[in-house]
Structures are given as structure tokens and as C-alpha cells.
Protein backbone atom coordinates (compact mmCIF):
# COMPACT_ATOMS: atom_id res chain seq x y z
CA MET A 1 5.79 -12.30 -106.00
CA LEU A 2 8.01 -9.77 -107.77
CA ARG A 3 11.18 -11.01 -109.45
CA GLY A 4 13.93 -9.19 -111.31
CA VAL A 5 12.90 -5.70 -110.20
CA ASP A 6 15.34 -3.04 -108.97
CA PHE A 7 14.66 -1.33 -105.62
CA VAL A 8 16.26 1.62 -103.85
CA PHE A 9 15.74 1.91 -100.08
CA ILE A 10 16.11 5.13 -98.10
CA GLY A 11 15.21 5.73 -94.47
CA LEU A 12 16.11 7.01 -91.04
CA GLN A 13 18.34 4.10 -90.01
CA PRO A 14 21.71 3.13 -91.52
CA TRP A 15 22.75 -0.37 -92.47
CA ASP A 16 25.25 -0.58 -89.61
CA ILE A 17 22.75 0.26 -86.86
CA PRO A 18 23.56 -2.00 -83.88
CA LEU A 19 19.90 -2.88 -83.23
CA GLY A 20 17.38 -4.62 -85.44
CA SER A 21 15.90 -2.57 -88.26
CA THR A 22 12.71 -2.91 -90.30
CA ALA A 23 14.36 -1.36 -93.34
CA LYS A 24 17.26 -3.84 -93.22
CA ASN A 25 15.00 -6.84 -92.80
CA VAL A 26 12.73 -5.74 -95.63
CA ALA A 27 15.75 -5.09 -97.87
CA VAL A 28 17.14 -8.57 -97.19
CA GLU A 29 13.77 -10.18 -97.96
CA VAL A 30 13.28 -8.16 -101.16
CA ALA A 31 16.83 -9.02 -102.28
CA ARG A 32 15.96 -12.72 -102.35
CA ASN A 33 14.41 -12.19 -105.78
CA ASN A 34 15.28 -8.62 -106.76
CA ARG A 35 18.23 -6.24 -106.74
CA VAL A 36 18.36 -3.77 -103.86
CA LEU A 37 20.39 -0.62 -103.26
CA PHE A 38 20.18 0.32 -99.57
CA VAL A 39 21.13 3.96 -99.01
CA ASN A 40 22.61 5.02 -95.70
CA PRO A 41 21.50 8.44 -94.44
CA PRO A 42 24.12 11.01 -95.48
CA LEU A 43 26.72 12.04 -92.92
CA SER A 44 25.58 15.31 -91.35
CA ARG A 45 27.82 18.32 -90.98
CA LYS A 46 27.12 18.26 -87.24
CA ALA A 47 28.27 14.63 -86.89
CA TRP A 48 31.39 15.43 -88.93
CA PHE A 49 32.51 18.00 -86.35
CA LEU A 50 31.09 16.63 -83.10
CA HIS A 51 31.32 12.84 -83.46
CA ARG A 52 34.32 12.32 -85.69
CA LEU A 53 35.84 9.79 -83.25
CA ASP A 54 32.82 7.49 -83.49
CA PRO A 55 33.83 4.47 -85.63
CA ARG A 56 30.70 4.66 -87.78
CA VAL A 57 31.18 8.39 -88.37
CA ARG A 58 34.86 7.76 -89.11
CA MET A 59 33.92 5.21 -91.79
CA ARG A 60 31.59 7.73 -93.45
CA MET A 61 34.28 10.40 -93.33
CA GLU A 62 36.61 8.03 -95.18
CA VAL A 63 33.97 7.66 -97.90
CA VAL A 64 33.55 11.44 -98.16
CA GLU A 65 37.35 11.87 -98.29
CA GLY A 66 37.64 9.31 -101.10
CA LYS A 67 39.58 6.81 -98.98
CA ARG A 68 36.84 4.18 -99.12
CA ASP A 69 34.45 3.02 -101.85
CA CYS A 70 30.93 4.33 -101.34
CA LEU A 71 29.40 1.05 -102.53
CA GLU A 72 29.66 -2.22 -100.61
CA GLN A 73 28.08 -5.50 -101.69
CA TYR A 74 26.51 -7.54 -98.88
CA SER A 75 24.93 -10.35 -100.86
CA GLU A 76 24.37 -11.37 -104.46
CA ASN A 77 21.54 -8.86 -104.91
CA LEU A 78 22.13 -6.32 -102.13
CA TRP A 79 24.42 -3.28 -102.09
CA VAL A 80 24.80 -0.51 -99.49
CA LEU A 81 25.54 3.05 -100.58
CA THR A 82 27.19 5.48 -98.19
CA PRO A 83 26.81 8.96 -99.78
CA ARG A 84 30.02 10.80 -100.59
CA ARG A 85 28.48 14.20 -99.89
CA VAL A 86 27.82 15.68 -96.47
CA ALA A 87 24.30 16.81 -95.60
CA GLU A 88 24.07 20.27 -94.09
CA SER A 89 22.65 20.22 -90.55
CA VAL A 90 19.60 22.46 -90.88
CA GLY A 91 17.20 21.10 -88.25
CA PHE A 92 17.70 24.27 -86.21
CA VAL A 93 16.25 26.48 -88.97
CA ALA A 94 12.88 27.66 -87.68
CA HIS A 95 11.62 29.41 -90.83
CA HIS A 96 9.81 26.70 -92.76
CA GLY A 97 10.39 28.16 -96.23
CA LEU A 98 14.11 28.56 -95.60
CA TYR A 99 14.29 25.04 -94.14
CA ARG A 100 12.69 23.65 -97.32
CA TRP A 101 15.30 25.43 -99.45
CA PHE A 102 18.14 23.84 -97.49
CA ASN A 103 16.37 20.47 -97.45
CA ARG A 104 15.96 20.56 -101.23
CA HIS A 105 19.69 21.33 -101.51
CA ASN A 106 20.51 18.28 -99.35
CA ASP A 107 18.13 16.09 -101.37
CA SER A 108 19.74 17.29 -104.60
CA ARG A 109 23.09 16.03 -103.33
CA LEU A 110 21.54 12.76 -102.21
CA ALA A 111 19.78 12.29 -105.56
CA LYS A 112 23.10 12.63 -107.40
CA GLU A 113 24.64 9.98 -105.15
CA ILE A 114 21.77 7.56 -105.75
CA ALA A 115 21.82 8.18 -109.50
CA TYR A 116 25.58 7.55 -109.57
CA ALA A 117 25.24 4.26 -107.68
CA ALA A 118 22.30 3.16 -109.82
CA ARG A 119 24.37 3.73 -112.98
CA ARG A 120 27.29 1.76 -111.55
CA LEU A 121 25.00 -1.16 -110.77
CA GLY A 122 23.17 -0.99 -114.10
CA PHE A 123 19.78 -0.37 -112.51
CA GLY A 124 16.91 0.42 -114.83
CA ARG A 125 13.82 2.28 -113.62
CA TYR A 126 13.57 1.27 -110.02
CA ILE A 127 11.05 1.34 -107.20
CA LEU A 128 12.05 3.69 -104.38
CA LEU A 129 10.93 2.73 -100.87
CA ASN A 130 11.15 5.41 -98.19
CA ASP A 131 11.16 4.00 -94.67
CA ASN A 132 9.64 6.68 -92.43
CA SER A 133 11.98 9.51 -93.57
CA MET A 134 9.70 12.47 -94.21
CA LEU A 135 12.48 15.09 -94.32
CA SER A 136 15.51 13.59 -96.05
CA GLY A 137 14.13 12.13 -99.26
CA PHE A 138 11.12 14.45 -99.49
CA TYR A 139 12.07 15.68 -102.99
CA LEU A 140 13.49 12.44 -104.41
CA LYS A 141 10.34 11.47 -106.30
CA GLU A 142 10.63 14.60 -108.43
CA MET A 143 14.41 14.46 -108.71
CA LEU A 144 14.89 10.76 -109.49
CA LYS A 145 11.54 9.92 -111.13
CA PRO A 146 11.43 6.30 -109.95
CA LEU A 147 8.96 3.83 -111.39
CA LEU A 148 7.08 4.01 -108.08
CA TYR A 149 7.65 5.94 -104.87
CA LEU A 150 6.55 4.01 -101.76
CA TYR A 151 6.29 5.43 -98.23
CA LEU A 152 6.31 3.20 -95.14
CA LEU A 153 4.99 4.81 -91.94
CA ARG A 154 5.75 2.67 -88.89
CA ASP A 155 6.77 5.06 -86.11
CA ASN A 156 5.44 8.40 -84.92
CA VAL A 157 8.77 10.19 -85.14
CA ILE A 158 7.10 13.55 -85.83
CA ALA A 159 6.19 13.51 -82.13
CA LEU A 160 9.89 13.87 -81.30
CA GLY A 161 11.85 17.11 -81.18
CA TYR A 162 13.97 16.93 -84.36
CA HIS A 163 11.18 15.86 -86.70
CA ARG A 164 8.28 17.66 -85.02
CA ARG A 165 9.06 21.19 -86.23
CA HIS A 166 9.02 20.49 -89.97
CA GLY A 167 8.00 16.84 -90.24
CA SER A 168 4.49 17.49 -88.99
CA ARG A 169 3.94 19.73 -92.04
CA MET A 170 5.92 17.79 -94.62
CA GLN A 171 4.81 14.23 -93.86
CA PRO A 172 1.21 14.79 -95.02
CA GLU A 173 2.56 16.22 -98.27
CA LEU A 174 4.91 13.28 -98.75
CA VAL A 175 2.10 10.82 -98.08
CA ALA A 176 -0.14 12.62 -100.58
CA LYS A 177 2.37 12.46 -103.43
CA SER A 178 3.54 8.87 -102.85
CA ASP A 179 2.31 6.24 -105.29
CA LEU A 180 1.62 3.78 -102.48
CA VAL A 181 1.65 4.15 -98.71
CA PHE A 182 2.06 1.35 -96.19
CA ALA A 183 1.48 1.49 -92.44
CA ASN A 184 2.10 -1.01 -89.65
CA SER A 185 -0.91 -0.02 -87.53
CA GLY A 186 -4.53 0.88 -88.09
CA TYR A 187 -3.98 4.31 -86.55
CA PHE A 188 -1.15 5.17 -88.95
CA ALA A 189 -3.18 3.80 -91.88
CA ASP A 190 -6.17 5.99 -90.96
CA TYR A 191 -3.86 9.00 -90.65
CA CYS A 192 -2.36 8.38 -94.10
CA ARG A 193 -5.72 7.77 -95.80
CA ARG A 194 -6.65 11.35 -94.97
CA TYR A 195 -4.05 12.36 -97.57
CA ASN A 196 -3.77 9.33 -99.87
CA PRO A 197 -6.44 6.67 -100.50
CA LYS A 198 -3.77 4.25 -101.75
CA THR A 199 -2.80 3.43 -98.17
CA PHE A 200 -2.60 -0.11 -96.81
CA MET A 201 -2.18 -1.50 -93.30
CA ILE A 202 0.27 -4.39 -93.57
CA GLY A 203 1.27 -5.02 -89.94
CA GLN A 204 4.87 -5.83 -89.13
CA GLY A 205 7.41 -8.52 -89.92
CA CYS A 206 9.72 -10.55 -87.73
CA ASP A 207 12.78 -12.68 -88.43
CA VAL A 208 11.33 -15.80 -86.88
CA SER A 209 14.22 -17.86 -88.24
CA LEU A 210 16.59 -15.93 -85.97
CA PHE A 211 14.39 -16.85 -82.99
CA ALA A 212 13.80 -20.45 -84.04
CA ASP A 213 14.50 -23.16 -81.45
CA GLU A 214 12.43 -26.14 -82.54
CA ASP A 215 15.09 -28.63 -81.50
CA GLY A 216 15.78 -26.89 -78.18
CA THR A 217 19.48 -26.43 -78.91
CA LEU A 218 19.56 -22.64 -78.57
CA ALA A 219 21.82 -21.91 -75.60
CA VAL A 220 20.75 -19.46 -72.92
CA ALA A 221 23.04 -16.42 -72.72
CA PRO A 222 25.74 -17.18 -70.13
CA GLU A 223 25.14 -13.78 -68.52
CA LEU A 224 21.75 -15.08 -67.32
CA LYS A 225 22.88 -18.35 -65.77
CA PRO A 226 23.94 -16.94 -62.35
CA ILE A 227 20.80 -14.79 -62.08
CA ARG A 228 18.01 -15.98 -59.79
CA ARG A 229 14.75 -17.04 -61.39
CA PRO A 230 12.10 -16.20 -62.30
CA ILE A 231 13.57 -13.76 -64.77
CA VAL A 232 11.40 -10.94 -66.09
CA GLY A 233 13.19 -9.63 -69.16
CA TYR A 234 13.18 -6.84 -71.71
CA THR A 235 15.23 -6.42 -74.91
CA GLY A 236 15.70 -3.20 -76.84
CA ALA A 237 16.76 0.39 -76.39
CA LEU A 238 16.33 1.65 -72.83
CA ALA A 239 14.95 5.11 -73.63
CA ALA A 240 13.01 7.08 -71.03
CA HIS A 241 10.66 8.67 -73.59
CA ARG A 242 9.45 5.17 -74.54
CA LEU A 243 9.76 3.08 -71.35
CA ASP A 244 8.18 3.64 -67.95
CA ILE A 245 11.00 3.69 -65.39
CA GLU A 246 8.57 4.05 -62.48
CA LEU A 247 6.73 0.92 -63.63
CA LEU A 248 10.03 -1.00 -63.69
CA LEU A 249 10.91 0.30 -60.23
CA HIS A 250 7.52 -0.77 -58.86
CA THR A 251 7.90 -4.23 -60.36
CA ALA A 252 11.40 -4.79 -58.98
CA ILE A 253 10.64 -3.38 -55.51
CA SER A 254 7.31 -5.15 -55.03
CA ARG A 255 8.74 -8.53 -56.06
CA PRO A 256 12.33 -8.66 -54.75
CA GLN A 257 12.37 -12.45 -55.28
CA TRP A 258 12.15 -11.87 -59.04
CA SER A 259 15.06 -10.78 -61.24
CA LEU A 260 14.52 -7.96 -63.72
CA VAL A 261 16.90 -8.17 -66.68
CA LEU A 262 17.17 -5.25 -69.12
CA VAL A 263 19.06 -6.00 -72.34
CA GLY A 264 19.96 -2.96 -74.42
CA PRO A 265 21.72 0.41 -74.58
CA GLU A 266 20.69 2.99 -71.96
CA ASP A 267 19.99 6.67 -72.40
CA ASP A 268 21.16 9.19 -69.80
CA THR A 269 17.92 9.00 -67.83
CA PHE A 270 18.14 5.25 -67.46
CA ARG A 271 21.80 5.42 -66.48
CA ALA A 272 20.94 7.86 -63.69
CA SER A 273 17.84 5.98 -62.50
CA ARG A 274 17.33 4.23 -59.16
CA LEU A 275 17.08 0.93 -61.02
CA HIS A 276 20.86 0.62 -60.77
CA ALA A 277 20.66 0.61 -56.97
CA LEU A 278 18.34 -2.40 -56.80
CA PRO A 279 20.00 -5.80 -56.26
CA ASN A 280 17.45 -7.70 -58.35
CA VAL A 281 17.81 -5.48 -61.44
CA HIS A 282 20.46 -6.47 -63.99
CA PHE A 283 21.69 -4.54 -67.04
CA THR A 284 23.59 -6.28 -69.84
CA THR A 285 24.35 -3.25 -72.07
CA ALA A 286 23.80 -3.34 -75.84
CA GLN A 287 23.95 -6.72 -77.56
CA PRO A 288 24.24 -7.61 -81.26
CA ILE A 289 20.95 -8.76 -82.74
CA GLU A 290 22.35 -12.27 -83.21
CA ARG A 291 22.61 -12.68 -79.41
CA ILE A 292 19.13 -11.41 -78.53
CA PRO A 293 17.43 -14.85 -78.94
CA SER A 294 19.79 -16.38 -76.36
CA PHE A 295 18.69 -13.77 -73.83
CA VAL A 296 14.99 -14.12 -74.62
CA LYS A 297 15.24 -17.89 -74.21
CA GLY A 298 16.43 -17.33 -70.64
CA PHE A 299 13.43 -15.18 -69.70
CA ASP A 300 10.53 -16.70 -67.78
CA VAL A 301 8.33 -13.86 -68.98
CA ALA A 302 9.09 -11.04 -71.42
CA ILE A 303 7.84 -7.49 -71.03
CA ASN A 304 7.25 -4.24 -72.88
CA PRO A 305 6.78 -1.61 -70.13
CA GLN A 306 5.98 1.35 -72.35
CA ARG A 307 5.15 4.85 -71.27
CA ILE A 308 1.88 6.06 -72.74
CA ASN A 309 2.45 9.07 -74.98
CA GLU A 310 2.05 10.14 -78.58
CA VAL A 311 5.23 8.28 -79.56
CA THR A 312 4.26 4.88 -78.14
CA SER A 313 0.45 4.73 -78.15
CA TRP A 314 0.11 3.56 -81.77
CA ASN A 315 3.56 2.09 -82.21
CA TYR A 316 3.95 -1.56 -83.30
CA PRO A 317 6.61 -3.04 -80.97
CA LEU A 318 8.55 -5.56 -83.05
CA LYS A 319 9.92 -7.15 -79.89
CA ILE A 320 6.47 -8.64 -79.14
CA ASP A 321 6.74 -10.91 -82.17
CA GLU A 322 10.31 -11.78 -81.22
CA TYR A 323 9.25 -12.79 -77.72
CA LEU A 324 6.35 -14.87 -79.04
CA ALA A 325 8.56 -16.53 -81.67
CA LEU A 326 10.40 -18.19 -78.77
CA GLY A 327 7.11 -19.08 -77.09
CA LYS A 328 7.51 -16.67 -74.19
CA PRO A 329 4.55 -15.30 -72.22
CA VAL A 330 4.40 -11.53 -72.69
CA VAL A 331 3.14 -8.74 -70.44
CA ALA A 332 2.91 -5.18 -71.76
CA THR A 333 1.49 -1.78 -70.99
CA ARG A 334 -2.03 -1.37 -72.36
CA THR A 335 -1.70 1.12 -75.23
CA ALA A 336 -4.12 2.01 -78.00
CA PHE A 337 -2.32 -0.33 -80.39
CA MET A 338 -1.56 -3.36 -78.22
CA GLY A 339 -5.07 -4.77 -78.59
CA TYR A 340 -3.89 -5.85 -82.05
CA PHE A 341 -2.25 -8.88 -80.42
CA GLY A 342 -5.46 -10.01 -78.77
CA SER A 343 -5.09 -12.72 -76.14
CA TRP A 344 -1.49 -13.44 -77.10
CA VAL A 345 -0.25 -10.65 -74.82
CA ARG A 346 -1.34 -9.84 -71.27
CA LEU A 347 -2.01 -6.11 -70.90
CA ALA A 348 -1.94 -3.90 -67.80
CA SER A 349 -3.04 -0.33 -67.16
CA THR A 350 -1.50 0.21 -63.71
CA PRO A 351 1.72 -0.88 -61.95
CA HIS A 352 -0.31 -3.10 -59.61
CA GLU A 353 -2.06 -4.78 -62.54
CA PHE A 354 1.28 -5.17 -64.34
CA VAL A 355 2.68 -7.21 -61.46
CA GLU A 356 -0.52 -9.27 -61.24
CA GLN A 357 -0.31 -10.09 -64.94
CA LEU A 358 3.33 -11.09 -64.53
CA GLU A 359 2.41 -13.48 -61.72
CA MET A 360 -0.31 -15.11 -63.82
CA ALA A 361 1.95 -15.31 -66.86
CA ILE A 362 4.60 -17.15 -64.85
CA GLU A 363 2.17 -19.47 -63.08
CA GLU A 364 -0.03 -20.39 -66.04
CA ASP A 365 2.62 -20.99 -68.73
CA THR A 366 2.45 -24.42 -70.39
CA PRO A 367 4.18 -26.22 -73.28
CA GLU A 368 0.91 -26.02 -75.25
CA LEU A 369 0.75 -22.25 -74.85
CA ARG A 370 4.38 -21.92 -75.87
CA ARG A 371 3.75 -23.86 -79.09
CA ALA A 372 0.66 -21.76 -79.85
CA ARG A 373 2.59 -18.52 -79.37
CA ILE A 374 5.30 -19.71 -81.75
CA ALA A 375 2.69 -20.60 -84.36
CA TYR A 376 1.10 -17.15 -84.04
CA ALA A 377 4.46 -15.40 -84.45
CA HIS A 378 4.99 -17.29 -87.69
CA THR A 379 2.04 -15.40 -89.20
CA HIS A 380 4.16 -12.22 -88.95
CA THR A 381 7.22 -13.16 -90.99
CA TRP A 382 9.10 -10.72 -93.21
CA GLU A 383 8.13 -12.88 -96.19
CA ILE A 384 4.44 -12.30 -95.45
CA PHE A 385 5.06 -8.59 -94.76
CA VAL A 386 6.91 -8.07 -98.05
CA GLY A 387 4.32 -10.16 -99.89
CA LYS A 388 1.67 -7.60 -98.94
CA ILE A 389 3.83 -4.84 -100.43
CA TYR A 390 4.37 -6.87 -103.60
CA GLU A 391 0.62 -7.41 -103.95
CA GLN A 392 -0.09 -3.68 -104.08
CA ILE A 393 2.88 -2.93 -106.35
CA GLU A 394 1.68 -5.52 -108.86
CA SER A 395 -1.81 -4.04 -108.77
CA VAL A 396 -0.53 -0.55 -109.54
CA VAL A 397 1.94 -1.67 -112.21
CA LYS A 398 -0.84 -3.49 -114.09
CA GLN A 399 -2.70 -0.20 -114.39
CA MET A 400 0.30 1.76 -115.69
């Protein structure tokens, strides 16, 4: 275990993201024994002009305008930096060389912000951990010269529009120059080893303490109490590029006696879908992470109805561990990665099979199975996840 080391975290997601975040959970775990500076992504020029009424954008504008301190302390060892400089919105630039010039300019601004915050906090040489951000942060190893530069690959974001154009070229370079690379699936680890042999598959972590209910006192969300059982439930972002709307429609229509509960923010495609016209489908809108366990507890079976594409096929769905941590039976789409969970998750390749697996999951659930699922989820804690990172850091530091 590492103690008394300074860490800087950068990534794609800000501290105030309304959903759960790997970067936040890792930062909290690392901060138990080390000092951590968590860096919010810089406010983009586009967001400044187009989303200035959004409360989170408004807060960042206040920092840029000098009306709010850029550093906030969240615990004894954890600070959050909101950069005071705006990042130019250059994703539209098609010419790769020109894009790199602008990206280096943005990283130069970000590096100055991080260096300023590190001086204020009295950080020495620190370890910089980059959570999946292959564009912003690409040049920080050269600019900041951290003790170690770590890259965590856990989502195939280069398959999406914004990151595809330049990320598909820059991520291999970033992987190659990182001191250590960590991946949460075998597929991502194999991809990274093509460019850097110091790559390690470390799985995923889960805040099992948040989903703990050993004494049975966790209350079911009141929104679920009037809903007819059995309840088939999902928690997380309702995004059409990740979830199979047709599969959800088939499930709800073929089993009208079941209730389908979807907990999370909807994208435009979901909002316009036929799901809203079905009487046995219920939407709860976005919920704070602290309330998610109370919804999961009310499910009879939990699901992950993913679409199969290059974004989802090798993705590690954190929600699976969260479902299992409350002992829930889980049914999911059969993707290339989901075999990782073995017999702990029922997998289906077709809508018909999905419904069949749901029926068996509901009928065959027992207290013994629920206890076994909880025990399995406890092998995927953030403490264990971070411990695997520490192990490789210590190995490299000994050789320095």
C-alpha cells in the first residue's frame, strides 16, 4: 500500500457529475492514505457561449471570472481544481496537425493551472493518473514531468463521434509513452499491450459499502412501492447508443404483467420512444448516486440490456457489481466482455432468450444465491482495484 504520496487526477468526467464515476471513486480511495488533486476538465469555449445558464457551467464561469476560488477541499487529503482558463473548442478541426497545435495550446493552459494548484498545496513530485482522456492531457507528461504518468483505459470512447476523429490516432501514442497502463477488460489490455508492454488488466471497482444492506434496514425507494411486481429494473444513463430500446419494448410487451422500471436520465431517442406509451414501463428520471441502492433493492431482477456495438462489446458495466452487491439476480445482453462474470449473470443473445432468462431469474432466486452474489461483489471493491494499481507503481518505483 502506498502512503504519503501526492497524486493528480485528470479525466473526462468532472467531480460534480450527477452519476457515479470511476475517477471519483478511485480518487476517494487513494486519498485515504495519500494526497489527491482532482482536476475538473476545463470549461470549453463552446459551453461558455451555449450552456451558460447550466448551473455547473455557471460555477465554472465564476471561477474563470475570479469570483470563486479554483480550489475546493472535499476531505482531509482531497482537493478539486476547476481550471481558471477556458479551453478552446477545437474538436471540429479536421486537419490533424492543426488540431494537435490547438490541443497543445489547451494543454499548456491546463498544465499551468495544475502547476499553480500543486504549488498552493505544497505537492512534491506527484503521480499523474489520466482516466481515459486521450485528447485533453495528451501533452501533460512532457509539460509537467510527473514522477509517473499512468493511463487508465476503461471505455471505448474513441468509437464515439467527438473522440473518434483524433483520439483513434492519439490514444496509441499516449499509451506508448505512459509509464504504466491499466485496463478494466482483457480486450482493452490486449489493445494497449500492442503499444506498451507495461499494461495490466485490473478489472473494475465498486462501492459495495454504498450498496450494503446486511441488516436489511435499507428502505426501498418510495417511488417503487405503488408499482406492481415483479419489477425488472435498470439504473444508469438511458442512452440509445448503449441500450437496446427494441429489446426493452419486446420485454415490456411480451410480459405485460411485469413492471419495467428505468432509473436514470434519458437522451432524446429514449424520450421519443414508444416505451413511454406502455402502461407497465416506468421512468424515474435521474437520481443522485446515494439513492440508487434504494431503487435496486426494490427490483426483483436487475438488467443491462445493451446494444451490441464497438462502444459496448468490451465495456465493463459497473452497474453489474452494484446489482450483485445487493444480491440481485442479473440478466444482461451477451457481449464479448460479459463472460467475465461467469455464472453470476444470466446472458441472452435474442429478445426471446432475454425474457426466458428473466423468468428463470425470478423463479429460481433464493436467499443462498443472494448471499453468494453479495460475496462475489465484495471481490470487486475499490480498495482491491486501487491495490492493484499500487502494486505496479511500487514495482516501477523500486527500479527508478
